[in-house]
Amino acid sequence: FGITPEDARFIELRDRFLDLYEANLCVNTRLFPGV
């Protein structure tokens, strides 16, 4: 979004992003090959 923590919408977008990530934690996440 081209924003920094000083942006007025940063906290709102951050919290929504974290909620979306929490709901999709291990859809395509994998151990790296060889791990």
PDB file of all heavy atoms in Angstrom:
ATOM      1  N   PHE A   1       0.806  -1.232   0.000  1.00  0.00           N
ATOM      2  CA  PHE A   1       0.000   0.000   0.000  1.00  0.00           C
ATOM      3  C   PHE A   1       0.834   1.274   0.000  1.00  0.00           C
ATOM      4  O   PHE A   1       0.275   2.372  -0.045  1.00  0.00           O
ATOM      5  CB  PHE A   1      -0.939   0.008   1.216  1.00  0.00           C
ATOM      6  CG  PHE A   1      -1.983  -1.061   1.166  1.00  0.00           C
ATOM      7  CD1 PHE A   1      -1.734  -2.308   1.731  1.00  0.00           C
ATOM      8  CD2 PHE A   1      -3.211  -0.854   0.551  1.00  0.00           C
ATOM      9  CE1 PHE A   1      -2.685  -3.317   1.689  1.00  0.00           C
ATOM     10  CE2 PHE A   1      -4.172  -1.854   0.499  1.00  0.00           C
ATOM     11  CZ  PHE A   1      -3.910  -3.093   1.059  1.00  0.00           C
ATOM     12  N   GLY A   2       2.146   1.133   0.092  1.00  0.00           N
ATOM     13  CA  GLY A   2       2.994   2.321   0.088  1.00  0.00           C
ATOM     14  C   GLY A   2       2.802   3.200   1.297  1.00  0.00           C
ATOM     15  O   GLY A   2       2.930   4.431   1.198  1.00  0.00           O
ATOM     16  N   ILE A   3       2.492   2.581   2.448  1.00  0.00           N
ATOM     17  CA  ILE A   3       2.263   3.364   3.658  1.00  0.00           C
ATOM     18  C   ILE A   3       3.280   3.003   4.730  1.00  0.00           C
ATOM     19  O   ILE A   3       3.927   1.953   4.672  1.00  0.00           O
ATOM     20  CB  ILE A   3       0.833   3.179   4.209  1.00  0.00           C
ATOM     21  CG1 ILE A   3       0.612   1.718   4.640  1.00  0.00           C
ATOM     22  CG2 ILE A   3      -0.208   3.603   3.178  1.00  0.00           C
ATOM     23  CD1 ILE A   3      -0.715   1.509   5.357  1.00  0.00           C
ATOM     24  N   THR A   4       3.395   3.865   5.718  1.00  0.00           N
ATOM     25  CA  THR A   4       4.275   3.658   6.862  1.00  0.00           C
ATOM     26  C   THR A   4       3.423   3.689   8.125  1.00  0.00           C
ATOM     27  O   THR A   4       2.241   4.066   8.084  1.00  0.00           O
ATOM     28  CB  THR A   4       5.334   4.769   6.941  1.00  0.00           C
ATOM     29  OG1 THR A   4       4.684   6.011   7.245  1.00  0.00           O
ATOM     30  CG2 THR A   4       6.098   4.888   5.619  1.00  0.00           C
ATOM     31  N   PRO A   5       4.001   3.300   9.267  1.00  0.00           N
ATOM     32  CA  PRO A   5       3.228   3.326  10.526  1.00  0.00           C
ATOM     33  C   PRO A   5       2.685   4.705  10.881  1.00  0.00           C
ATOM     34  O   PRO A   5       1.759   4.798  11.704  1.00  0.00           O
ATOM     35  CB  PRO A   5       4.250   2.852  11.562  1.00  0.00           C
ATOM     36  CG  PRO A   5       5.171   1.966  10.790  1.00  0.00           C
ATOM     37  CD  PRO A   5       5.308   2.643   9.455  1.00  0.00           C
ATOM     38  N   GLU A   6       3.235   5.750  10.286  1.00  0.00           N
ATOM     39  CA  GLU A   6       2.744   7.101  10.570  1.00  0.00           C
ATOM     40  C   GLU A   6       1.464   7.420   9.804  1.00  0.00           C
ATOM     41  O   GLU A   6       0.777   8.396  10.115  1.00  0.00           O
ATOM     42  CB  GLU A   6       3.824   8.134  10.219  1.00  0.00           C
ATOM     43  CG  GLU A   6       5.032   8.122  11.144  1.00  0.00           C
ATOM     44  CD  GLU A   6       5.915   6.907  10.976  1.00  0.00           C
ATOM     45  OE1 GLU A   6       6.088   6.451   9.815  1.00  0.00           O
ATOM     46  OE2 GLU A   6       6.413   6.400  12.001  1.00  0.00           O
ATOM     47  N   ASP A   7       1.131   6.593   8.804  1.00  0.00           N
ATOM     48  CA  ASP A   7      -0.076   6.835   7.997  1.00  0.00           C
ATOM     49  C   ASP A   7      -1.320   6.653   8.848  1.00  0.00           C
ATOM     50  O   ASP A   7      -1.390   5.779   9.721  1.00  0.00           O
ATOM     51  CB  ASP A   7      -0.101   5.866   6.821  1.00  0.00           C
ATOM     52  CG  ASP A   7      -1.178   6.212   5.808  1.00  0.00           C
ATOM     53  OD1 ASP A   7      -2.359   5.865   6.055  1.00  0.00           O
ATOM     54  OD2 ASP A   7      -0.855   6.812   4.773  1.00  0.00           O
ATOM     55  N   ALA A   8      -2.330   7.457   8.597  1.00  0.00           N
ATOM     56  CA  ALA A   8      -3.558   7.441   9.396  1.00  0.00           C
ATOM     57  C   ALA A   8      -4.273   6.096   9.354  1.00  0.00           C
ATOM     58  O   ALA A   8      -4.930   5.714  10.325  1.00  0.00           O
ATOM     59  CB  ALA A   8      -4.504   8.546   8.917  1.00  0.00           C
ATOM     60  N   ARG A   9      -4.139   5.361   8.263  1.00  0.00           N
ATOM     61  CA  ARG A   9      -4.838   4.082   8.123  1.00  0.00           C
ATOM     62  C   ARG A   9      -3.963   2.886   8.451  1.00  0.00           C
ATOM     63  O   ARG A   9      -4.408   1.743   8.310  1.00  0.00           O
ATOM     64  CB  ARG A   9      -5.384   3.922   6.701  1.00  0.00           C
ATOM     65  CG  ARG A   9      -6.487   4.893   6.315  1.00  0.00           C
ATOM     66  CD  ARG A   9      -7.242   4.366   5.102  1.00  0.00           C
ATOM     67  NE  ARG A   9      -7.949   3.132   5.405  1.00  0.00           N
ATOM     68  CZ  ARG A   9      -8.288   2.224   4.470  1.00  0.00           C
ATOM     69  NH1 ARG A   9      -7.925   2.396   3.213  1.00  0.00           N
ATOM     70  NH2 ARG A   9      -8.950   1.132   4.811  1.00  0.00           N
ATOM     71  N   PHE A  10      -2.739   3.107   8.874  1.00  0.00           N
ATOM     72  CA  PHE A  10      -1.820   1.994   9.050  1.00  0.00           C
ATOM     73  C   PHE A  10      -2.359   0.963  10.041  1.00  0.00           C
ATOM     74  O   PHE A  10      -2.365  -0.245   9.750  1.00  0.00           O
ATOM     75  CB  PHE A  10      -0.446   2.480   9.502  1.00  0.00           C
ATOM     76  CG  PHE A  10       0.540   1.355   9.708  1.00  0.00           C
ATOM     77  CD1 PHE A  10       1.228   0.825   8.626  1.00  0.00           C
ATOM     78  CD2 PHE A  10       0.741   0.804  10.965  1.00  0.00           C
ATOM     79  CE1 PHE A  10       2.122  -0.224   8.793  1.00  0.00           C
ATOM     80  CE2 PHE A  10       1.630  -0.246  11.140  1.00  0.00           C
ATOM     81  CZ  PHE A  10       2.319  -0.762  10.061  1.00  0.00           C
ATOM     82  N   ILE A  11      -2.777   1.379  11.205  1.00  0.00           N
ATOM     83  CA  ILE A  11      -3.218   0.429  12.234  1.00  0.00           C
ATOM     84  C   ILE A  11      -4.443  -0.347  11.767  1.00  0.00           C
ATOM     85  O   ILE A  11      -4.542  -1.568  11.951  1.00  0.00           O
ATOM     86  CB  ILE A  11      -3.503   1.168  13.554  1.00  0.00           C
ATOM     87  CG1 ILE A  11      -2.195   1.713  14.129  1.00  0.00           C
ATOM     88  CG2 ILE A  11      -4.182   0.229  14.562  1.00  0.00           C
ATOM     89  CD1 ILE A  11      -2.358   2.494  15.414  1.00  0.00           C
ATOM     90  N   GLU A  12      -5.367   0.344  11.123  1.00  0.00           N
ATOM     91  CA  GLU A  12      -6.570  -0.317  10.601  1.00  0.00           C
ATOM     92  C   GLU A  12      -6.207  -1.396   9.585  1.00  0.00           C
ATOM     93  O   GLU A  12      -6.686  -2.545   9.668  1.00  0.00           O
ATOM     94  CB  GLU A  12      -7.481   0.722   9.947  1.00  0.00           C
ATOM     95  CG  GLU A  12      -8.676   0.143   9.198  1.00  0.00           C
ATOM     96  CD  GLU A  12      -9.325   1.146   8.260  1.00  0.00           C
ATOM     97  OE1 GLU A  12      -8.977   2.341   8.319  1.00  0.00           O
ATOM     98  OE2 GLU A  12     -10.176   0.708   7.455  1.00  0.00           O
ATOM     99  N   LEU A  13      -5.343  -1.049   8.636  1.00  0.00           N
ATOM    100  CA  LEU A  13      -4.948  -2.009   7.609  1.00  0.00           C
ATOM    101  C   LEU A  13      -4.084  -3.122   8.192  1.00  0.00           C
ATOM    102  O   LEU A  13      -4.210  -4.283   7.800  1.00  0.00           O
ATOM    103  CB  LEU A  13      -4.202  -1.295   6.482  1.00  0.00           C
ATOM    104  CG  LEU A  13      -5.043  -0.371   5.606  1.00  0.00           C
ATOM    105  CD1 LEU A  13      -4.155   0.416   4.657  1.00  0.00           C
ATOM    106  CD2 LEU A  13      -6.091  -1.157   4.823  1.00  0.00           C
ATOM    107  N   ARG A  14      -3.218  -2.775   9.140  1.00  0.00           N
ATOM    108  CA  ARG A  14      -2.387  -3.797   9.779  1.00  0.00           C
ATOM    109  C   ARG A  14      -3.240  -4.837  10.486  1.00  0.00           C
ATOM    110  O   ARG A  14      -3.018  -6.047  10.338  1.00  0.00           O
ATOM    111  CB  ARG A  14      -1.444  -3.145  10.790  1.00  0.00           C
ATOM    112  CG  ARG A  14      -0.539  -4.128  11.536  1.00  0.00           C
ATOM    113  CD  ARG A  14      -0.016  -3.533  12.823  1.00  0.00           C
ATOM    114  NE  ARG A  14      -1.098  -3.270  13.767  1.00  0.00           N
ATOM    115  CZ  ARG A  14      -0.946  -2.580  14.894  1.00  0.00           C
ATOM    116  NH1 ARG A  14       0.240  -2.056  15.200  1.00  0.00           N
ATOM    117  NH2 ARG A  14      -1.978  -2.392  15.700  1.00  0.00           N
ATOM    118  N   ASP A  15      -4.207  -4.379  11.256  1.00  0.00           N
ATOM    119  CA  ASP A  15      -5.036  -5.319  12.009  1.00  0.00           C
ATOM    120  C   ASP A  15      -5.851  -6.220  11.080  1.00  0.00           C
ATOM    121  O   ASP A  15      -6.001  -7.420  11.343  1.00  0.00           O
ATOM    122  CB  ASP A  15      -5.970  -4.558  12.961  1.00  0.00           C
ATOM    123  CG  ASP A  15      -5.217  -3.898  14.111  1.00  0.00           C
ATOM    124  OD1 ASP A  15      -4.012  -4.196  14.283  1.00  0.00           O
ATOM    125  OD2 ASP A  15      -5.821  -3.081  14.821  1.00  0.00           O
ATOM    126  N   ARG A  16      -6.344  -5.655   9.996  1.00  0.00           N
ATOM    127  CA  ARG A  16      -7.105  -6.461   9.037  1.00  0.00           C
ATOM    128  C   ARG A  16      -6.186  -7.454   8.329  1.00  0.00           C
ATOM    129  O   ARG A  16      -6.555  -8.624   8.133  1.00  0.00           O
ATOM    130  CB  ARG A  16      -7.798  -5.564   8.013  1.00  0.00           C
ATOM    131  CG  ARG A  16      -8.627  -6.315   6.970  1.00  0.00           C
ATOM    132  CD  ARG A  16      -9.691  -7.175   7.617  1.00  0.00           C
ATOM    133  NE  ARG A  16     -10.443  -7.941   6.620  1.00  0.00           N
ATOM    134  CZ  ARG A  16     -11.054  -9.086   6.883  1.00  0.00           C
ATOM    135  NH1 ARG A  16     -11.012  -9.616   8.107  1.00  0.00           N
ATOM    136  NH2 ARG A  16     -11.724  -9.718   5.936  1.00  0.00           N
ATOM    137  N   PHE A  17      -4.985  -7.005   7.967  1.00  0.00           N
ATOM    138  CA  PHE A  17      -4.016  -7.903   7.340  1.00  0.00           C
ATOM    139  C   PHE A  17      -3.694  -9.080   8.260  1.00  0.00           C
ATOM    140  O   PHE A  17      -3.666 -10.242   7.822  1.00  0.00           O
ATOM    141  CB  PHE A  17      -2.735  -7.148   6.991  1.00  0.00           C
ATOM    142  CG  PHE A  17      -1.577  -8.044   6.671  1.00  0.00           C
ATOM    143  CD1 PHE A  17      -1.518  -8.722   5.466  1.00  0.00           C
ATOM    144  CD2 PHE A  17      -0.553  -8.237   7.591  1.00  0.00           C
ATOM    145  CE1 PHE A  17      -0.463  -9.573   5.173  1.00  0.00           C
ATOM    146  CE2 PHE A  17       0.506  -9.077   7.308  1.00  0.00           C
ATOM    147  CZ  PHE A  17       0.555  -9.754   6.097  1.00  0.00           C
ATOM    148  N   LEU A  18      -3.451  -8.809   9.526  1.00  0.00           N
ATOM    149  CA  LEU A  18      -3.103  -9.875  10.468  1.00  0.00           C
ATOM    150  C   LEU A  18      -4.255 -10.854  10.655  1.00  0.00           C
ATOM    151  O   LEU A  18      -4.037 -12.062  10.781  1.00  0.00           O
ATOM    152  CB  LEU A  18      -2.683  -9.269  11.807  1.00  0.00           C
ATOM    153  CG  LEU A  18      -1.377  -8.459  11.780  1.00  0.00           C
ATOM    154  CD1 LEU A  18      -1.105  -7.842  13.139  1.00  0.00           C
ATOM    155  CD2 LEU A  18      -0.198  -9.317  11.321  1.00  0.00           C
ATOM    156  N   ASP A  19      -5.471 -10.346  10.651  1.00  0.00           N
ATOM    157  CA  ASP A  19      -6.630 -11.242  10.747  1.00  0.00           C
ATOM    158  C   ASP A  19      -6.721 -12.143   9.520  1.00  0.00           C
ATOM    159  O   ASP A  19      -7.014 -13.350   9.635  1.00  0.00           O
ATOM    160  CB  ASP A  19      -7.922 -10.434  10.891  1.00  0.00           C
ATOM    161  CG  ASP A  19      -8.084  -9.812  12.273  1.00  0.00           C
ATOM    162  OD1 ASP A  19      -7.385 -10.259  13.217  1.00  0.00           O
ATOM    163  OD2 ASP A  19      -8.893  -8.869  12.406  1.00  0.00           O
ATOM    164  N   LEU A  20      -6.490 -11.575   8.349  1.00  0.00           N
ATOM    165  CA  LEU A  20      -6.534 -12.364   7.114  1.00  0.00           C
ATOM    166  C   LEU A  20      -5.413 -13.393   7.088  1.00  0.00           C
ATOM    167  O   LEU A  20      -5.609 -14.530   6.639  1.00  0.00           O
ATOM    168  CB  LEU A  20      -6.432 -11.444   5.894  1.00  0.00           C
ATOM    169  CG  LEU A  20      -7.662 -10.583   5.602  1.00  0.00           C
ATOM    170  CD1 LEU A  20      -7.334  -9.505   4.585  1.00  0.00           C
ATOM    171  CD2 LEU A  20      -8.819 -11.449   5.110  1.00  0.00           C
ATOM    172  N   TYR A  21      -4.244 -13.011   7.588  1.00  0.00           N
ATOM    173  CA  TYR A  21      -3.130 -13.956   7.630  1.00  0.00           C
ATOM    174  C   TYR A  21      -3.417 -15.090   8.610  1.00  0.00           C
ATOM    175  O   TYR A  21      -3.166 -16.257   8.303  1.00  0.00           O
ATOM    176  CB  TYR A  21      -1.833 -13.232   8.004  1.00  0.00           C
ATOM    177  CG  TYR A  21      -0.637 -14.158   8.063  1.00  0.00           C
ATOM    178  CD1 TYR A  21      -0.318 -14.975   6.978  1.00  0.00           C
ATOM    179  CD2 TYR A  21       0.166 -14.227   9.197  1.00  0.00           C
ATOM    180  CE1 TYR A  21       0.769 -15.830   7.018  1.00  0.00           C
ATOM    181  CE2 TYR A  21       1.258 -15.081   9.246  1.00  0.00           C
ATOM    182  CZ  TYR A  21       1.546 -15.881   8.165  1.00  0.00           C
ATOM    183  OH  TYR A  21       2.615 -16.744   8.215  1.00  0.00           O
ATOM    184  N   GLU A  22      -3.967 -14.751   9.747  1.00  0.00           N
ATOM    185  CA  GLU A  22      -4.284 -15.781  10.745  1.00  0.00           C
ATOM    186  C   GLU A  22      -5.277 -16.797  10.187  1.00  0.00           C
ATOM    187  O   GLU A  22      -5.218 -17.989  10.519  1.00  0.00           O
ATOM    188  CB  GLU A  22      -4.850 -15.136  11.999  1.00  0.00           C
ATOM    189  CG  GLU A  22      -5.057 -16.102  13.158  1.00  0.00           C
ATOM    190  CD  GLU A  22      -5.462 -15.395  14.430  1.00  0.00           C
ATOM    191  OE1 GLU A  22      -6.075 -14.304  14.343  1.00  0.00           O
ATOM    192  OE2 GLU A  22      -5.166 -15.925  15.520  1.00  0.00           O
ATOM    193  N   ALA A  23      -6.163 -16.354   9.315  1.00  0.00           N
ATOM    194  CA  ALA A  23      -7.165 -17.241   8.723  1.00  0.00           C
ATOM    195  C   ALA A  23      -6.599 -18.069   7.570  1.00  0.00           C
ATOM    196  O   ALA A  23      -7.258 -19.001   7.094  1.00  0.00           O
ATOM    197  CB  ALA A  23      -8.356 -16.423   8.226  1.00  0.00           C
ATOM    198  N   ASN A  24      -5.379 -17.736   7.131  1.00  0.00           N
ATOM    199  CA  ASN A  24      -4.774 -18.430   5.981  1.00  0.00           C
ATOM    200  C   ASN A  24      -3.312 -18.770   6.254  1.00  0.00           C
ATOM    201  O   ASN A  24      -2.454 -18.641   5.387  1.00  0.00           O
ATOM    202  CB  ASN A  24      -4.867 -17.539   4.729  1.00  0.00           C
ATOM    203  CG  ASN A  24      -6.292 -17.255   4.314  1.00  0.00           C
ATOM    204  OD1 ASN A  24      -6.920 -18.063   3.632  1.00  0.00           O
ATOM    205  ND2 ASN A  24      -6.818 -16.109   4.730  1.00  0.00           N
ATOM    206  N   LEU A  25      -3.036 -19.253   7.460  1.00  0.00           N
ATOM    207  CA  LEU A  25      -1.665 -19.465   7.914  1.00  0.00           C
ATOM    208  C   LEU A  25      -0.898 -20.523   7.125  1.00  0.00           C
ATOM    209  O   LEU A  25       0.291 -20.378   6.884  1.00  0.00           O
ATOM    210  CB  LEU A  25      -1.661 -19.873   9.390  1.00  0.00           C
ATOM    211  CG  LEU A  25      -1.630 -18.766  10.433  1.00  0.00           C
ATOM    212  CD1 LEU A  25      -1.697 -19.386  11.816  1.00  0.00           C
ATOM    213  CD2 LEU A  25      -0.378 -17.913  10.292  1.00  0.00           C
ATOM    214  N   CYS A  26      -1.590 -21.595   6.775  1.00  0.00           N
ATOM    215  CA  CYS A  26      -0.869 -22.725   6.182  1.00  0.00           C
ATOM    216  C   CYS A  26      -1.587 -23.258   4.947  1.00  0.00           C
ATOM    217  O   CYS A  26      -1.801 -24.452   4.801  1.00  0.00           O
ATOM    218  CB  CYS A  26      -0.679 -23.830   7.217  1.00  0.00           C
ATOM    219  SG  CYS A  26       0.721 -24.921   6.853  1.00  0.00           S
ATOM    220  N   VAL A  27      -1.938 -22.343   4.051  1.00  0.00           N
ATOM    221  CA  VAL A  27      -2.547 -22.732   2.784  1.00  0.00           C
ATOM    222  C   VAL A  27      -1.470 -23.226   1.825  1.00  0.00           C
ATOM    223  O   VAL A  27      -1.544 -24.327   1.267  1.00  0.00           O
ATOM    224  CB  VAL A  27      -3.323 -21.553   2.168  1.00  0.00           C
ATOM    225  CG1 VAL A  27      -3.900 -21.953   0.811  1.00  0.00           C
ATOM    226  CG2 VAL A  27      -4.427 -21.081   3.104  1.00  0.00           C
ATOM    227  N   ASN A  28      -0.445 -22.395   1.646  1.00  0.00           N
ATOM    228  CA  ASN A  28       0.645 -22.744   0.731  1.00  0.00           C
ATOM    229  C   ASN A  28       2.016 -22.747   1.415  1.00  0.00           C
ATOM    230  O   ASN A  28       3.031 -22.934   0.749  1.00  0.00           O
ATOM    231  CB  ASN A  28       0.671 -21.757  -0.441  1.00  0.00           C
ATOM    232  CG  ASN A  28      -0.593 -21.835  -1.274  1.00  0.00           C
ATOM    233  OD1 ASN A  28      -0.934 -22.894  -1.788  1.00  0.00           O
ATOM    234  ND2 ASN A  28      -1.308 -20.726  -1.405  1.00  0.00           N
ATOM    235  N   THR A  29       2.057 -22.522   2.718  1.00  0.00           N
ATOM    236  CA  THR A  29       3.325 -22.534   3.447  1.00  0.00           C
ATOM    237  C   THR A  29       3.869 -23.949   3.532  1.00  0.00           C
ATOM    238  O   THR A  29       3.141 -24.878   3.845  1.00  0.00           O
ATOM    239  CB  THR A  29       3.135 -21.959   4.862  1.00  0.00           C
ATOM    240  OG1 THR A  29       2.868 -20.552   4.752  1.00  0.00           O
ATOM    241  CG2 THR A  29       4.358 -22.179   5.727  1.00  0.00           C
ATOM    242  N   ARG A  30       5.149 -24.077   3.257  1.00  0.00           N
ATOM    243  CA  ARG A  30       5.811 -25.388   3.306  1.00  0.00           C
ATOM    244  C   ARG A  30       7.213 -25.220   3.892  1.00  0.00           C
ATOM    245  O   ARG A  30       7.788 -24.134   3.851  1.00  0.00           O
ATOM    246  CB  ARG A  30       5.946 -25.996   1.894  1.00  0.00           C
ATOM    247  CG  ARG A  30       4.631 -26.206   1.172  1.00  0.00           C
ATOM    248  CD  ARG A  30       3.816 -27.340   1.770  1.00  0.00           C
ATOM    249  NE  ARG A  30       2.618 -27.615   0.980  1.00  0.00           N
ATOM    250  CZ  ARG A  30       1.439 -27.021   1.175  1.00  0.00           C
ATOM    251  NH1 ARG A  30       1.323 -26.093   2.120  1.00  0.00           N
ATOM    252  NH2 ARG A  30       0.407 -27.324   0.428  1.00  0.00           N
ATOM    253  N   LEU A  31       7.780 -26.295   4.409  1.00  0.00           N
ATOM    254  CA  LEU A  31       9.189 -26.287   4.763  1.00  0.00           C
ATOM    255  C   LEU A  31      10.002 -26.136   3.486  1.00  0.00           C
ATOM    256  O   LEU A  31       9.625 -26.662   2.434  1.00  0.00           O
ATOM    257  CB  LEU A  31       9.581 -27.584   5.468  1.00  0.00           C
ATOM    258  CG  LEU A  31       8.904 -27.876   6.818  1.00  0.00           C
ATOM    259  CD1 LEU A  31       9.377 -29.229   7.339  1.00  0.00           C
ATOM    260  CD2 LEU A  31       9.176 -26.775   7.828  1.00  0.00           C
ATOM    261  N   PHE A  32      11.116 -25.432   3.569  1.00  0.00           N
ATOM    262  CA  PHE A  32      11.986 -25.321   2.405  1.00  0.00           C
ATOM    263  C   PHE A  32      12.523 -26.702   2.033  1.00  0.00           C
ATOM    264  O   PHE A  32      12.726 -27.564   2.905  1.00  0.00           O
ATOM    265  CB  PHE A  32      13.173 -24.395   2.706  1.00  0.00           C
ATOM    266  CG  PHE A  32      12.855 -22.942   2.576  1.00  0.00           C
ATOM    267  CD1 PHE A  32      12.633 -22.165   3.703  1.00  0.00           C
ATOM    268  CD2 PHE A  32      12.787 -22.332   1.336  1.00  0.00           C
ATOM    269  CE1 PHE A  32      12.342 -20.818   3.598  1.00  0.00           C
ATOM    270  CE2 PHE A  32      12.499 -20.978   1.207  1.00  0.00           C
ATOM    271  CZ  PHE A  32      12.273 -20.219   2.338  1.00  0.00           C
ATOM    272  N   PRO A  33      12.752 -26.959   0.754  1.00  0.00           N
ATOM    273  CA  PRO A  33      13.335 -28.239   0.348  1.00  0.00           C
ATOM    274  C   PRO A  33      14.643 -28.504   1.094  1.00  0.00           C
ATOM    275  O   PRO A  33      15.517 -27.634   1.142  1.00  0.00           O
ATOM    276  CB  PRO A  33      13.580 -28.050  -1.162  1.00  0.00           C
ATOM    277  CG  PRO A  33      12.567 -27.021  -1.573  1.00  0.00           C
ATOM    278  CD  PRO A  33      12.449 -26.081  -0.408  1.00  0.00           C
ATOM    279  N   GLY A  34      14.747 -29.673   1.661  1.00  0.00           N
ATOM    280  CA  GLY A  34      15.937 -30.037   2.409  1.00  0.00           C
ATOM    281  C   GLY A  34      15.808 -29.855   3.907  1.00  0.00           C
ATOM    282  O   GLY A  34      16.591 -30.429   4.680  1.00  0.00           O
ATOM    283  N   VAL A  35      14.834 -29.066   4.365  1.00  0.00           N
ATOM    284  CA  VAL A  35      14.681 -28.834   5.802  1.00  0.00           C
ATOM    285  C   VAL A  35      14.268 -30.110   6.526  1.00  0.00           C
ATOM    286  O   VAL A  35      14.796 -30.431   7.598  1.00  0.00           O
ATOM    287  CB  VAL A  35      13.670 -27.699   6.083  1.00  0.00           C
ATOM    288  CG1 VAL A  35      13.241 -27.701   7.555  1.00  0.00           C
ATOM    289  CG2 VAL A  35      14.268 -26.355   5.710  1.00  0.00           C
TER     290      VAL A  35
END
